[in-house]
Amino acid sequence: MINLLPHEEQRQLRAARTNVLLLRYNVLLLGAVIFIVIAVSITYLQLTNTKLLAQTAITDNNTKSSSFIPIKNQADQFRTNLATAKQILDREVTYTKVVLAIAKVLPSGVVLENLTLDSQTFGTSTTLVAHAKDSSRALALKESFQTSNLFSDVHFDSIANGDSTSNADYPVTINLNVTITKDAAK
């Protein structure tokens, strides 16, 4: 088939087809731009709405939390009191344990006249007065105290052999100078 159309008209027909194609692309591009603008505006509206809802929730939570301030203050006060109680209990000395430990190291036939314990007694020199049935038990008392981990620096101040009727069962009076270790209170 021979094309009998003049060259000018052929050029015009090709230009018309290109123009139609460009017009379609422009309409498609315009449709895409409109779609993107609509999508962006819908997203913007949703984000704005979410922001308003979040701000409303924040103000509601702030008003609710302000009603819990007295409870929070009570909890903080309670926490402070617990910390103070813990400090006190950590420094507490259980004298019962110390007295029982001293009683365990006392040999038979020896009794203590008195025992005074306080927080200043630990780590300082203390004089204990004991009574024994005989002088060999007085030596056993000193040896028992020396081998115990409750005492350090154990030595006799005096040993007296008395025939008093008030201590007929325990005639030997012992003045023993000892230092009760600080670890004994723990």
Protein backbone atom coordinates (compact mmCIF):
# COMPACT_ATOMS: atom_id res chain seq x y z
CA MET A 1 0.00 0.00 0.00
CA ILE A 2 1.30 3.31 -1.02
CA ASN A 3 0.77 6.29 1.14
CA LEU A 4 -0.63 9.05 -1.02
CA LEU A 5 -1.03 11.65 1.64
CA PRO A 6 1.14 14.67 1.34
CA HIS A 7 4.03 14.95 3.83
CA GLU A 8 2.56 17.93 5.57
CA GLU A 9 -0.63 16.09 6.41
CA GLN A 10 1.27 13.06 7.58
CA ARG A 11 3.22 15.28 9.92
CA GLN A 12 -0.03 16.84 11.16
CA LEU A 13 -1.56 13.39 11.81
CA ARG A 14 1.50 12.25 13.78
CA ALA A 15 1.41 15.50 15.76
CA ALA A 16 -2.32 14.99 16.46
CA ARG A 17 -1.70 11.44 17.74
CA THR A 18 1.14 12.70 19.94
CA ASN A 19 -1.07 15.49 21.24
CA VAL A 20 -3.81 13.00 22.13
CA LEU A 21 -1.25 10.83 23.91
CA LEU A 22 0.14 13.85 25.77
CA LEU A 23 -3.40 14.89 26.69
CA ARG A 24 -4.06 11.43 28.13
CA TYR A 25 -0.81 11.58 30.11
CA ASN A 26 -1.71 15.06 31.40
CA VAL A 27 -5.19 13.87 32.48
CA LEU A 28 -3.64 10.81 34.15
CA LEU A 29 -1.03 13.01 35.85
CA LEU A 30 -3.70 15.45 36.99
CA GLY A 31 -5.74 12.53 38.38
CA ALA A 32 -2.68 11.22 40.24
CA VAL A 33 -1.94 14.67 41.70
CA ILE A 34 -5.56 15.04 42.82
CA PHE A 35 -5.44 11.56 44.40
CA ILE A 36 -2.19 12.40 46.25
CA VAL A 37 -3.61 15.73 47.47
CA ILE A 38 -6.75 13.99 48.73
CA ALA A 39 -4.71 11.23 50.42
CA VAL A 40 -2.39 13.77 52.08
CA SER A 41 -5.31 15.90 53.29
CA ILE A 42 -7.13 12.83 54.71
CA THR A 43 -3.95 11.75 56.49
CA TYR A 44 -3.47 15.28 57.82
CA LEU A 45 -7.04 15.36 59.12
CA GLN A 46 -6.61 11.98 60.81
CA LEU A 47 -3.33 13.04 62.41
CA THR A 48 -4.92 16.27 63.64
CA ASN A 49 -7.85 14.35 65.06
CA THR A 50 -5.49 11.87 66.77
CA LYS A 51 -3.47 14.75 68.20
CA LEU A 52 -6.62 16.33 69.64
CA LEU A 53 -7.69 13.00 71.14
CA ALA A 54 -4.23 12.50 72.65
CA GLN A 55 -4.23 16.00 74.14
CA THR A 56 -7.67 15.37 75.61
CA ALA A 57 -6.45 12.08 77.09
CA ILE A 58 -3.40 13.84 78.55
CA THR A 59 -5.50 16.52 80.25
CA ASP A 60 -7.91 13.86 81.57
CA ASN A 61 -5.01 11.81 82.94
CA ASN A 62 -3.46 14.91 84.52
CA THR A 63 -6.71 15.70 86.31
CA LYS A 64 -7.04 12.07 87.42
CA SER A 65 -3.42 11.91 88.57
CA SER A 66 -3.82 15.08 90.60
CA SER A 67 -6.36 13.22 92.73
CA PHE A 68 -3.65 10.60 93.46
CA ILE A 69 -1.09 13.12 94.73
CA PRO A 70 -2.03 12.57 98.41
CA ILE A 71 -1.67 8.81 97.94
CA LYS A 72 1.69 9.31 96.23
CA ASN A 73 2.82 11.53 99.11
CA GLN A 74 1.72 8.86 101.60
CA ALA A 75 3.63 6.21 99.63
CA ASP A 76 6.76 8.40 99.59
CA GLN A 77 6.42 8.99 103.35
CA PHE A 78 5.97 5.25 103.90
CA ARG A 79 9.03 4.51 101.76
CA THR A 80 11.05 7.00 103.83
CA ASN A 81 9.83 5.41 107.06
CA LEU A 82 10.78 1.96 105.77
CA ALA A 83 14.28 3.20 104.93
CA THR A 84 14.62 4.64 108.43
CA ALA A 85 13.35 1.42 110.00
CA LYS A 86 15.81 -0.60 107.91
CA GLN A 87 18.69 1.57 109.10
CA ILE A 88 17.60 1.10 112.70
CA LEU A 89 17.18 -2.65 112.31
CA ASP A 90 20.57 -2.94 110.59
CA ARG A 91 22.21 -1.32 113.62
CA GLU A 92 20.13 -3.36 116.06
CA VAL A 93 22.09 -5.50 118.45
CA THR A 94 20.40 -8.70 119.58
CA TYR A 95 21.67 -8.98 123.11
CA THR A 96 19.94 -12.32 123.57
CA LYS A 97 22.27 -13.96 121.06
CA VAL A 98 25.30 -12.48 122.82
CA VAL A 99 24.10 -13.60 126.27
CA LEU A 100 23.41 -17.13 125.00
CA ALA A 101 26.82 -17.26 123.30
CA ILE A 102 28.51 -16.19 126.56
CA ALA A 103 26.51 -18.79 128.48
CA LYS A 104 27.70 -21.49 126.05
CA VAL A 105 31.38 -20.72 126.70
CA LEU A 106 31.01 -20.69 130.48
CA PRO A 107 32.45 -23.90 131.93
CA SER A 108 30.39 -25.85 134.46
CA GLY A 109 30.88 -24.77 138.03
CA VAL A 110 31.20 -21.07 137.11
CA VAL A 111 28.50 -18.39 137.33
CA LEU A 112 28.59 -14.73 136.38
CA GLU A 113 27.61 -12.27 139.11
CA ASN A 114 26.28 -9.74 136.62
CA LEU A 115 26.51 -8.96 132.95
CA THR A 116 25.85 -5.50 131.58
CA LEU A 117 25.62 -5.15 127.81
CA ASP A 118 25.00 -2.03 125.80
CA SER A 119 26.21 -0.64 122.50
CA GLN A 120 29.36 0.83 124.12
CA THR A 121 30.32 -2.49 125.71
CA PHE A 122 31.33 -4.01 122.39
CA GLY A 123 34.93 -3.34 121.44
CA THR A 124 35.90 -1.83 124.82
CA SER A 125 37.44 -3.36 127.90
CA THR A 126 34.89 -4.70 130.42
CA THR A 127 35.31 -6.29 133.81
CA LEU A 128 33.24 -9.40 134.49
CA VAL A 129 32.77 -10.70 138.00
CA ALA A 130 32.29 -14.47 138.20
CA HIS A 131 32.14 -17.04 140.97
CA ALA A 132 33.59 -20.53 140.71
CA LYS A 133 33.56 -23.68 142.82
CA ASP A 134 37.37 -23.86 142.80
CA SER A 135 40.42 -22.14 141.30
CA SER A 136 40.84 -24.75 138.55
CA ARG A 137 37.45 -23.73 137.19
CA ALA A 138 38.59 -20.10 137.24
CA LEU A 139 41.49 -21.09 134.98
CA ALA A 140 39.05 -23.05 132.78
CA LEU A 141 36.90 -19.89 132.53
CA LYS A 142 39.86 -17.82 131.33
CA GLU A 143 40.92 -20.50 128.85
CA SER A 144 37.35 -20.87 127.54
CA PHE A 145 37.04 -17.11 127.04
CA GLN A 146 40.43 -16.93 125.30
CA THR A 147 39.57 -19.70 122.82
CA SER A 148 36.14 -18.20 122.08
CA ASN A 149 35.73 -15.79 119.18
CA LEU A 150 33.46 -13.63 121.35
CA PHE A 151 36.29 -12.20 123.45
CA SER A 152 39.71 -10.74 122.95
CA ASP A 153 42.35 -9.48 125.41
CA VAL A 154 41.25 -11.81 128.25
CA HIS A 155 43.20 -11.52 131.49
CA PHE A 156 42.64 -11.78 135.23
CA ASP A 157 42.29 -8.69 137.38
CA SER A 158 42.05 -10.71 140.55
CA ILE A 159 41.10 -14.09 141.97
CA ALA A 160 39.93 -14.17 145.58
CA ASN A 161 39.22 -17.25 147.63
CA GLY A 162 36.56 -16.24 150.14
CA ASP A 163 34.77 -18.28 152.77
CA SER A 164 31.67 -16.12 152.77
CA THR A 165 28.44 -17.82 153.74
CA SER A 166 26.53 -15.99 150.99
CA ASN A 167 28.58 -17.78 148.29
CA ALA A 168 29.17 -21.11 150.00
CA ASP A 169 28.68 -23.08 146.76
CA TYR A 170 30.96 -20.76 144.75
CA PRO A 171 33.69 -19.51 147.09
CA VAL A 172 36.17 -18.33 144.44
CA THR A 173 35.52 -14.76 143.16
CA ILE A 174 37.07 -13.93 139.79
CA ASN A 175 37.48 -10.45 138.33
CA LEU A 176 38.18 -11.00 134.65
CA ASN A 177 39.00 -8.17 132.26
CA VAL A 178 37.75 -8.92 128.71
CA THR A 179 36.96 -7.11 125.49
CA ILE A 180 33.77 -8.30 123.82
CA THR A 181 34.34 -8.24 120.07
CA LYS A 182 32.11 -6.13 117.87
CA ASP A 183 31.37 -9.18 115.71
CA ALA A 184 29.66 -10.83 118.70
CA ALA A 185 26.70 -8.48 118.29
CA LYS A 186 26.05 -9.50 114.69
